[in-house]
Amino acid sequence: MKIDILTLFPEMFTSLNHSILGKAKDKKLVDISPIDFRQFSENKHKQVDDYPFGGGQGMVLKPEPIFNAVESIDKGKNPRIILLCPQGEKFSQKKAEELAKEEHLIFICGHYEGYDERIREHLVTDELSIGDFILTGGELAAMAIIDSVARLIPNVIAKEESHQDDSFSTGLLEHPQYTRPKDFRGMIVPDVLTSGNHKNIERYRKKERLRRTYLRRPDLFANYNFSNDELLLLDEIKKEESEKI
């Protein structure tokens, strides 16, 4: 996958050279290129923002540097051009899976008060937000989305199964996980996980995924298709939790 990032701060993206993404870049599975769109300004002072027409607070990103930077990119097949902004669609695991199927993504990271509306109307294909809060710029949002998308690309993670049980991948939160030692300061790993009975282990994990979602993110159940077995487990969970009160 080819990923281009339009930003005023390309040095922020050096963190993508490490960990799983760094290995993916070394293997040529992902090609990530930060582009300083200030270099595409038509102003002799390399100005990329200006005052809003009609007055108002703050500065607005001008259209020319953004359009010029996008047009300079060798696009091949039609890329998804993604604007990071608070008004955008809220990013989700489902969206990550959708974007992971693309060959080319272009991210536009803004600063200042906002973007000239013509960028939205005539250039971008997607507007994405990572939550109902404001950041100084779009760089951190872009990094979060790139990390989430890239790890779903085939062979980026050694075994595909290692992300299939992640929180949200199944529609539920992930089950609790433990490693050695079994007894740490009197805190004991559940016996079922060391029993060697794979059927019981899978039932435990399924039940705990349901329990954790029920307690922490019950809103996820609205779009989840329960099996009959899961409905029975959920009834057990509700009974167990009510007895704790």
C-alpha atoms as a PDB file:
ATOM      1  CA  MET A   1       0.000   0.000   0.000  1.00  0.00           C
ATOM      2  CA  LYS A   2       1.172   3.527  -0.824  1.00  0.00           C
ATOM      3  CA  ILE A   3       0.404   6.202   1.792  1.00  0.00           C
ATOM      4  CA  ASP A   4       1.086   9.904   1.236  1.00  0.00           C
ATOM      5  CA  ILE A   5       0.645  12.397   4.076  1.00  0.00           C
ATOM      6  CA  LEU A   6       0.248  16.123   3.431  1.00  0.00           C
ATOM      7  CA  THR A   7       1.501  17.951   6.510  1.00  0.00           C
ATOM      8  CA  LEU A   8       3.331  21.045   7.700  1.00  0.00           C
ATOM      9  CA  PHE A   9       5.346  18.884  10.096  1.00  0.00           C
ATOM     10  CA  PRO A  10       6.756  15.865   8.209  1.00  0.00           C
ATOM     11  CA  GLU A  11       9.269  15.172  10.993  1.00  0.00           C
ATOM     12  CA  MET A  12       6.404  14.063  13.245  1.00  0.00           C
ATOM     13  CA  PHE A  13       6.011  10.909  11.174  1.00  0.00           C
ATOM     14  CA  THR A  14       9.455   9.466  11.940  1.00  0.00           C
ATOM     15  CA  SER A  15       7.713   7.399  14.633  1.00  0.00           C
ATOM     16  CA  LEU A  16       6.208   5.310  11.821  1.00  0.00           C
ATOM     17  CA  ASN A  17       9.709   3.956  11.125  1.00  0.00           C
ATOM     18  CA  HIS A  18       9.558   1.803  14.254  1.00  0.00           C
ATOM     19  CA  SER A  19       7.815  -1.337  15.528  1.00  0.00           C
ATOM     20  CA  ILE A  20       5.426  -3.213  13.226  1.00  0.00           C
ATOM     21  CA  LEU A  21       5.062  -0.346  10.755  1.00  0.00           C
ATOM     22  CA  GLY A  22       8.826   0.024  10.470  1.00  0.00           C
ATOM     23  CA  LYS A  23       9.154  -3.668   9.644  1.00  0.00           C
ATOM     24  CA  ALA A  24       6.321  -3.383   7.113  1.00  0.00           C
ATOM     25  CA  LYS A  25       8.174  -0.518   5.415  1.00  0.00           C
ATOM     26  CA  ASP A  26      11.397  -2.550   5.345  1.00  0.00           C
ATOM     27  CA  LYS A  27       9.511  -5.422   3.677  1.00  0.00           C
ATOM     28  CA  LYS A  28       8.047  -3.003   1.089  1.00  0.00           C
ATOM     29  CA  LEU A  29       4.523  -3.861   2.233  1.00  0.00           C
ATOM     30  CA  VAL A  30       3.835  -0.206   3.011  1.00  0.00           C
ATOM     31  CA  ASP A  31       5.351   2.901   1.427  1.00  0.00           C
ATOM     32  CA  ILE A  32       4.759   5.971   3.631  1.00  0.00           C
ATOM     33  CA  SER A  33       5.740   9.429   2.341  1.00  0.00           C
ATOM     34  CA  PRO A  34       5.192  12.617   4.382  1.00  0.00           C
ATOM     35  CA  ILE A  35       4.927  15.659   2.088  1.00  0.00           C
ATOM     36  CA  ASP A  36       5.442  19.220   3.324  1.00  0.00           C
ATOM     37  CA  PHE A  37       2.658  21.037   1.502  1.00  0.00           C
ATOM     38  CA  ARG A  38       4.183  24.421   2.397  1.00  0.00           C
ATOM     39  CA  GLN A  39       6.575  23.762  -0.498  1.00  0.00           C
ATOM     40  CA  PHE A  40       3.584  23.909  -2.861  1.00  0.00           C
ATOM     41  CA  SER A  41       2.493  27.402  -1.843  1.00  0.00           C
ATOM     42  CA  GLU A  42       2.289  29.903  -4.705  1.00  0.00           C
ATOM     43  CA  ASN A  43       3.183  32.726  -2.314  1.00  0.00           C
ATOM     44  CA  LYS A  44       6.806  33.921  -2.274  1.00  0.00           C
ATOM     45  CA  HIS A  45       6.723  33.704   1.529  1.00  0.00           C
ATOM     46  CA  LYS A  46       5.392  30.117   1.352  1.00  0.00           C
ATOM     47  CA  GLN A  47       2.230  31.196   3.139  1.00  0.00           C
ATOM     48  CA  VAL A  48      -0.348  28.402   3.436  1.00  0.00           C
ATOM     49  CA  ASP A  49      -3.100  30.169   5.396  1.00  0.00           C
ATOM     50  CA  ASP A  50      -5.050  33.410   5.243  1.00  0.00           C
ATOM     51  CA  TYR A  51      -7.850  35.307   6.975  1.00  0.00           C
ATOM     52  CA  PRO A  52     -11.400  34.020   6.380  1.00  0.00           C
ATOM     53  CA  PHE A  53     -13.683  35.932   4.007  1.00  0.00           C
ATOM     54  CA  GLY A  54     -16.450  37.593   5.983  1.00  0.00           C
ATOM     55  CA  GLY A  55     -14.247  37.973   9.029  1.00  0.00           C
ATOM     56  CA  GLY A  56     -13.968  35.773  12.054  1.00  0.00           C
ATOM     57  CA  GLN A  57     -11.395  34.222  14.338  1.00  0.00           C
ATOM     58  CA  GLY A  58      -8.346  32.267  13.253  1.00  0.00           C
ATOM     59  CA  MET A  59      -6.708  31.477   9.941  1.00  0.00           C
ATOM     60  CA  VAL A  60      -7.906  29.170   7.160  1.00  0.00           C
ATOM     61  CA  LEU A  61      -5.744  26.842   5.069  1.00  0.00           C
ATOM     62  CA  LYS A  62      -5.576  28.075   1.481  1.00  0.00           C
ATOM     63  CA  PRO A  63      -6.662  25.744  -1.340  1.00  0.00           C
ATOM     64  CA  GLU A  64      -3.643  26.192  -3.656  1.00  0.00           C
ATOM     65  CA  PRO A  65      -0.954  24.399  -1.596  1.00  0.00           C
ATOM     66  CA  ILE A  66      -3.254  21.445  -0.887  1.00  0.00           C
ATOM     67  CA  PHE A  67      -4.476  21.052  -4.487  1.00  0.00           C
ATOM     68  CA  ASN A  68      -0.945  21.508  -5.859  1.00  0.00           C
ATOM     69  CA  ALA A  69       0.514  18.933  -3.459  1.00  0.00           C
ATOM     70  CA  VAL A  70      -2.145  16.325  -4.251  1.00  0.00           C
ATOM     71  CA  GLU A  71      -1.767  16.931  -7.992  1.00  0.00           C
ATOM     72  CA  SER A  72       2.010  16.401  -7.708  1.00  0.00           C
ATOM     73  CA  ILE A  73       1.547  12.844  -6.442  1.00  0.00           C
ATOM     74  CA  ASP A  74       1.773   9.939  -8.889  1.00  0.00           C
ATOM     75  CA  LYS A  75      -1.702   8.606  -8.231  1.00  0.00           C
ATOM     76  CA  GLY A  76      -1.979   5.621 -10.591  1.00  0.00           C
ATOM     77  CA  LYS A  77      -5.327   4.122  -9.625  1.00  0.00           C
ATOM     78  CA  ASN A  78      -7.757   6.502  -7.958  1.00  0.00           C
ATOM     79  CA  PRO A  79      -6.566   6.982  -4.366  1.00  0.00           C
ATOM     80  CA  ARG A  80      -8.739   7.669  -1.344  1.00  0.00           C
ATOM     81  CA  ILE A  81      -8.028  11.267  -0.325  1.00  0.00           C
ATOM     82  CA  ILE A  82      -8.746  11.614   3.380  1.00  0.00           C
ATOM     83  CA  LEU A  83      -9.241  14.891   5.217  1.00  0.00           C
ATOM     84  CA  LEU A  84      -8.673  14.739   8.992  1.00  0.00           C
ATOM     85  CA  CYS A  85     -11.190  16.991  10.727  1.00  0.00           C
ATOM     86  CA  PRO A  86     -13.551  17.048  13.752  1.00  0.00           C
ATOM     87  CA  GLN A  87     -16.576  17.155  11.409  1.00  0.00           C
ATOM     88  CA  GLY A  88     -15.669  13.884   9.715  1.00  0.00           C
ATOM     89  CA  GLU A  89     -17.089  10.386  10.025  1.00  0.00           C
ATOM     90  CA  LYS A  90     -15.923   8.816  13.262  1.00  0.00           C
ATOM     91  CA  PHE A  91     -13.153   6.320  12.503  1.00  0.00           C
ATOM     92  CA  SER A  92     -13.855   2.707  13.454  1.00  0.00           C
ATOM     93  CA  GLN A  93     -12.428  -0.779  13.050  1.00  0.00           C
ATOM     94  CA  LYS A  94     -14.899  -1.341  10.212  1.00  0.00           C
ATOM     95  CA  LYS A  95     -13.506   1.708   8.429  1.00  0.00           C
ATOM     96  CA  ALA A  96      -9.952   0.466   9.013  1.00  0.00           C
ATOM     97  CA  GLU A  97     -10.844  -2.847   7.359  1.00  0.00           C
ATOM     98  CA  GLU A  98     -12.363  -0.970   4.417  1.00  0.00           C
ATOM     99  CA  LEU A  99      -9.314   1.250   3.910  1.00  0.00           C
ATOM    100  CA  ALA A 100      -6.897  -1.690   4.266  1.00  0.00           C
ATOM    101  CA  LYS A 101      -8.229  -3.004   0.936  1.00  0.00           C
ATOM    102  CA  GLU A 102      -7.117   0.136  -0.913  1.00  0.00           C
ATOM    103  CA  GLU A 103      -3.851   0.449  -2.839  1.00  0.00           C
ATOM    104  CA  HIS A 104      -3.265   4.148  -2.217  1.00  0.00           C
ATOM    105  CA  LEU A 105      -4.298   6.527   0.570  1.00  0.00           C
ATOM    106  CA  ILE A 106      -3.595  10.260   0.777  1.00  0.00           C
ATOM    107  CA  PHE A 107      -4.047  11.982   4.152  1.00  0.00           C
ATOM    108  CA  ILE A 108      -4.437  15.747   4.513  1.00  0.00           C
ATOM    109  CA  CYS A 109      -3.450  17.065   7.945  1.00  0.00           C
ATOM    110  CA  GLY A 110      -4.736  20.531   8.703  1.00  0.00           C
ATOM    111  CA  HIS A 111      -3.823  23.237  11.184  1.00  0.00           C
ATOM    112  CA  TYR A 112      -5.192  26.630  12.115  1.00  0.00           C
ATOM    113  CA  GLU A 113      -8.960  27.316  12.153  1.00  0.00           C
ATOM    114  CA  GLY A 114      -9.847  24.972   9.310  1.00  0.00           C
ATOM    115  CA  TYR A 115      -9.756  24.308   5.572  1.00  0.00           C
ATOM    116  CA  ASP A 116     -10.997  26.338   2.640  1.00  0.00           C
ATOM    117  CA  GLU A 117     -14.329  24.657   1.845  1.00  0.00           C
ATOM    118  CA  ARG A 118     -13.291  24.037  -1.783  1.00  0.00           C
ATOM    119  CA  ILE A 119     -10.826  21.425  -0.531  1.00  0.00           C
ATOM    120  CA  ARG A 120     -13.749  19.527   1.000  1.00  0.00           C
ATOM    121  CA  GLU A 121     -16.073  19.954  -1.955  1.00  0.00           C
ATOM    122  CA  HIS A 122     -13.740  19.305  -4.870  1.00  0.00           C
ATOM    123  CA  LEU A 123     -10.741  17.266  -3.713  1.00  0.00           C
ATOM    124  CA  VAL A 124     -11.307  14.815  -0.878  1.00  0.00           C
ATOM    125  CA  THR A 125     -13.143  11.491  -0.961  1.00  0.00           C
ATOM    126  CA  ASP A 126     -13.416  10.976   2.816  1.00  0.00           C
ATOM    127  CA  GLU A 127     -13.498  13.099   5.960  1.00  0.00           C
ATOM    128  CA  LEU A 128     -12.486  11.261   9.133  1.00  0.00           C
ATOM    129  CA  SER A 129     -12.377  12.084  12.838  1.00  0.00           C
ATOM    130  CA  ILE A 130     -10.901   9.972  15.635  1.00  0.00           C
ATOM    131  CA  GLY A 131     -13.240  11.335  18.282  1.00  0.00           C
ATOM    132  CA  ASP A 132     -15.263  14.187  19.694  1.00  0.00           C
ATOM    133  CA  PHE A 133     -12.320  16.327  20.760  1.00  0.00           C
ATOM    134  CA  ILE A 134     -10.046  18.910  19.163  1.00  0.00           C
ATOM    135  CA  LEU A 135      -6.360  18.417  18.355  1.00  0.00           C
ATOM    136  CA  THR A 136      -3.809  21.043  17.352  1.00  0.00           C
ATOM    137  CA  GLY A 137      -3.509  19.430  13.932  1.00  0.00           C
ATOM    138  CA  GLY A 138      -4.363  16.324  11.967  1.00  0.00           C
ATOM    139  CA  GLU A 139      -0.998  14.580  12.353  1.00  0.00           C
ATOM    140  CA  LEU A 140      -1.793  12.519  15.451  1.00  0.00           C
ATOM    141  CA  ALA A 141      -5.133  11.478  13.957  1.00  0.00           C
ATOM    142  CA  ALA A 142      -3.407  10.442  10.719  1.00  0.00           C
ATOM    143  CA  MET A 143      -0.823   8.375  12.625  1.00  0.00           C
ATOM    144  CA  ALA A 144      -3.536   6.588  14.593  1.00  0.00           C
ATOM    145  CA  ILE A 145      -5.489   5.746  11.439  1.00  0.00           C
ATOM    146  CA  ILE A 146      -2.387   4.671   9.494  1.00  0.00           C
ATOM    147  CA  ASP A 147      -1.317   2.348  12.318  1.00  0.00           C
ATOM    148  CA  SER A 148      -4.813   0.860  12.545  1.00  0.00           C
ATOM    149  CA  VAL A 149      -5.081   0.331   8.776  1.00  0.00           C
ATOM    150  CA  ALA A 150      -1.545  -0.869   8.036  1.00  0.00           C
ATOM    151  CA  ARG A 151      -1.611  -3.709  10.574  1.00  0.00           C
ATOM    152  CA  LEU A 152      -4.540  -5.221   8.634  1.00  0.00           C
ATOM    153  CA  ILE A 153      -2.584  -5.442   5.380  1.00  0.00           C
ATOM    154  CA  PRO A 154      -1.673  -9.085   4.609  1.00  0.00           C
ATOM    155  CA  ASN A 155       1.733 -10.143   6.007  1.00  0.00           C
ATOM    156  CA  VAL A 156       2.237  -6.957   8.041  1.00  0.00           C
ATOM    157  CA  ILE A 157       1.437  -8.971  11.164  1.00  0.00           C
ATOM    158  CA  ALA A 158       3.016 -12.423  11.121  1.00  0.00           C
ATOM    159  CA  LYS A 159      -0.212 -14.309  11.760  1.00  0.00           C
ATOM    160  CA  GLU A 160      -3.569 -12.961  10.625  1.00  0.00           C
ATOM    161  CA  GLU A 161      -5.151 -14.523  13.691  1.00  0.00           C
ATOM    162  CA  SER A 162      -3.223 -12.155  15.929  1.00  0.00           C
ATOM    163  CA  HIS A 163      -5.577  -9.305  15.061  1.00  0.00           C
ATOM    164  CA  GLN A 164      -8.796 -11.227  14.451  1.00  0.00           C
ATOM    165  CA  ASP A 165      -9.597 -11.331  18.179  1.00  0.00           C
ATOM    166  CA  ASP A 166      -8.629  -7.709  18.832  1.00  0.00           C
ATOM    167  CA  SER A 167     -11.230  -5.488  20.450  1.00  0.00           C
ATOM    168  CA  PHE A 168     -13.801  -4.401  17.818  1.00  0.00           C
ATOM    169  CA  SER A 169     -12.600  -6.907  15.174  1.00  0.00           C
ATOM    170  CA  THR A 170     -15.254  -9.368  16.350  1.00  0.00           C
ATOM    171  CA  GLY A 171     -17.736  -6.640  17.255  1.00  0.00           C
ATOM    172  CA  LEU A 172     -16.929  -7.154  20.947  1.00  0.00           C
ATOM    173  CA  LEU A 173     -14.189  -6.047  23.309  1.00  0.00           C
ATOM    174  CA  GLU A 174     -11.259  -8.429  23.704  1.00  0.00           C
ATOM    175  CA  HIS A 175     -11.224 -11.041  26.465  1.00  0.00           C
ATOM    176  CA  PRO A 176      -8.756 -10.793  29.410  1.00  0.00           C
ATOM    177  CA  GLN A 177      -5.281 -12.212  28.753  1.00  0.00           C
ATOM    178  CA  TYR A 178      -2.643 -13.636  31.108  1.00  0.00           C
ATOM    179  CA  THR A 179       0.916 -14.949  30.912  1.00  0.00           C
ATOM    180  CA  ARG A 180       3.461 -16.514  33.306  1.00  0.00           C
ATOM    181  CA  PRO A 181       3.753 -16.698  36.254  1.00  0.00           C
ATOM    182  CA  LYS A 182       0.445 -18.353  37.089  1.00  0.00           C
ATOM    183  CA  ASP A 183       0.624 -17.017  40.664  1.00  0.00           C
ATOM    184  CA  PHE A 184       1.875 -13.436  40.971  1.00  0.00           C
ATOM    185  CA  ARG A 185       1.707 -12.048  44.520  1.00  0.00           C
ATOM    186  CA  GLY A 186      -1.335 -14.174  45.218  1.00  0.00           C
ATOM    187  CA  MET A 187      -3.113 -13.079  42.041  1.00  0.00           C
ATOM    188  CA  ILE A 188      -3.970 -16.339  40.279  1.00  0.00           C
ATOM    189  CA  VAL A 189      -4.649 -16.950  36.589  1.00  0.00           C
ATOM    190  CA  PRO A 190      -8.115 -18.534  36.058  1.00  0.00           C
ATOM    191  CA  ASP A 191      -7.756 -22.324  36.207  1.00  0.00           C
ATOM    192  CA  VAL A 192      -9.599 -22.851  32.924  1.00  0.00           C
ATOM    193  CA  LEU A 193      -6.759 -21.183  30.979  1.00  0.00           C
ATOM    194  CA  THR A 194      -4.202 -23.706  32.232  1.00  0.00           C
ATOM    195  CA  SER A 195      -6.523 -26.721  32.002  1.00  0.00           C
ATOM    196  CA  GLY A 196      -5.565 -27.680  28.454  1.00  0.00           C
ATOM    197  CA  ASN A 197      -9.265 -28.096  27.588  1.00  0.00           C
ATOM    198  CA  HIS A 198      -9.557 -26.005  24.429  1.00  0.00           C
ATOM    199  CA  LYS A 199     -13.341 -26.170  24.298  1.00  0.00           C
ATOM    200  CA  ASN A 200     -13.640 -24.786  27.825  1.00  0.00           C
ATOM    201  CA  ILE A 201     -10.984 -22.165  27.121  1.00  0.00           C
ATOM    202  CA  GLU A 202     -12.863 -20.937  24.062  1.00  0.00           C
ATOM    203  CA  ARG A 203     -16.127 -20.813  26.025  1.00  0.00           C
ATOM    204  CA  TYR A 204     -14.407 -18.828  28.786  1.00  0.00           C
ATOM    205  CA  ARG A 205     -12.972 -16.350  26.303  1.00  0.00           C
ATOM    206  CA  LYS A 206     -16.279 -15.922  24.498  1.00  0.00           C
ATOM    207  CA  LYS A 207     -18.075 -15.340  27.787  1.00  0.00           C
ATOM    208  CA  GLU A 208     -15.487 -12.832  28.981  1.00  0.00           C
ATOM    209  CA  ARG A 209     -15.644 -10.934  25.679  1.00  0.00           C
ATOM    210  CA  LEU A 210     -19.379 -10.629  26.206  1.00  0.00           C
ATOM    211  CA  ARG A 211     -18.956  -9.701  29.871  1.00  0.00           C
ATOM    212  CA  ARG A 212     -16.388  -6.992  29.184  1.00  0.00           C
ATOM    213  CA  THR A 213     -18.527  -5.511  26.413  1.00  0.00           C
ATOM    214  CA  TYR A 214     -21.658  -5.666  28.585  1.00  0.00           C
ATOM    215  CA  LEU A 215     -19.911  -3.832  31.416  1.00  0.00           C
ATOM    216  CA  ARG A 216     -17.832  -1.324  29.436  1.00  0.00           C
ATOM    217  CA  ARG A 217     -19.335  -0.803  25.976  1.00  0.00           C
ATOM    218  CA  PRO A 218     -22.941  -2.073  25.904  1.00  0.00           C
ATOM    219  CA  ASP A 219     -23.584   0.262  22.951  1.00  0.00           C
ATOM    220  CA  LEU A 220     -21.662  -2.213  20.759  1.00  0.00           C
ATOM    221  CA  PHE A 221     -24.433  -4.769  21.224  1.00  0.00           C
ATOM    222  CA  ALA A 222     -26.787  -2.630  19.097  1.00  0.00           C
ATOM    223  CA  ASN A 223     -25.062  -3.789  15.883  1.00  0.00           C
ATOM    224  CA  TYR A 224     -23.983  -7.257  17.035  1.00  0.00           C
ATOM    225  CA  ASN A 225     -25.593 -10.469  15.771  1.00  0.00           C
ATOM    226  CA  PHE A 226     -25.796 -12.829  18.747  1.00  0.00           C
ATOM    227  CA  SER A 227     -25.744 -16.605  18.360  1.00  0.00           C
ATOM    228  CA  ASN A 228     -28.110 -18.610  20.563  1.00  0.00           C
ATOM    229  CA  ASP A 229     -25.128 -19.738  22.650  1.00  0.00           C
ATOM    230  CA  GLU A 230     -24.026 -16.140  23.165  1.00  0.00           C
ATOM    231  CA  LEU A 231     -27.506 -15.117  24.290  1.00  0.00           C
ATOM    232  CA  LEU A 232     -27.426 -17.868  26.912  1.00  0.00           C
ATOM    233  CA  LEU A 233     -23.976 -16.744  28.047  1.00  0.00           C
ATOM    234  CA  LEU A 234     -25.165 -13.149  28.259  1.00  0.00           C
ATOM    235  CA  ASP A 235     -28.052 -14.214  30.481  1.00  0.00           C
ATOM    236  CA  GLU A 236     -25.527 -15.963  32.752  1.00  0.00           C
ATOM    237  CA  ILE A 237     -23.394 -12.829  32.850  1.00  0.00           C
ATOM    238  CA  LYS A 238     -26.304 -10.557  33.743  1.00  0.00           C
ATOM    239  CA  LYS A 239     -27.286 -12.891  36.568  1.00  0.00           C
ATOM    240  CA  GLU A 240     -23.700 -13.109  37.862  1.00  0.00           C
ATOM    241  CA  GLU A 241     -23.217  -9.343  37.745  1.00  0.00           C
ATOM    242  CA  SER A 242     -26.535  -8.633  39.465  1.00  0.00           C
ATOM    243  CA  GLU A 243     -25.493 -10.930  42.326  1.00  0.00           C
ATOM    244  CA  LYS A 244     -22.377  -8.798  42.886  1.00  0.00           C
ATOM    245  CA  ILE A 245     -24.450  -5.716  43.676  1.00  0.00           C
END
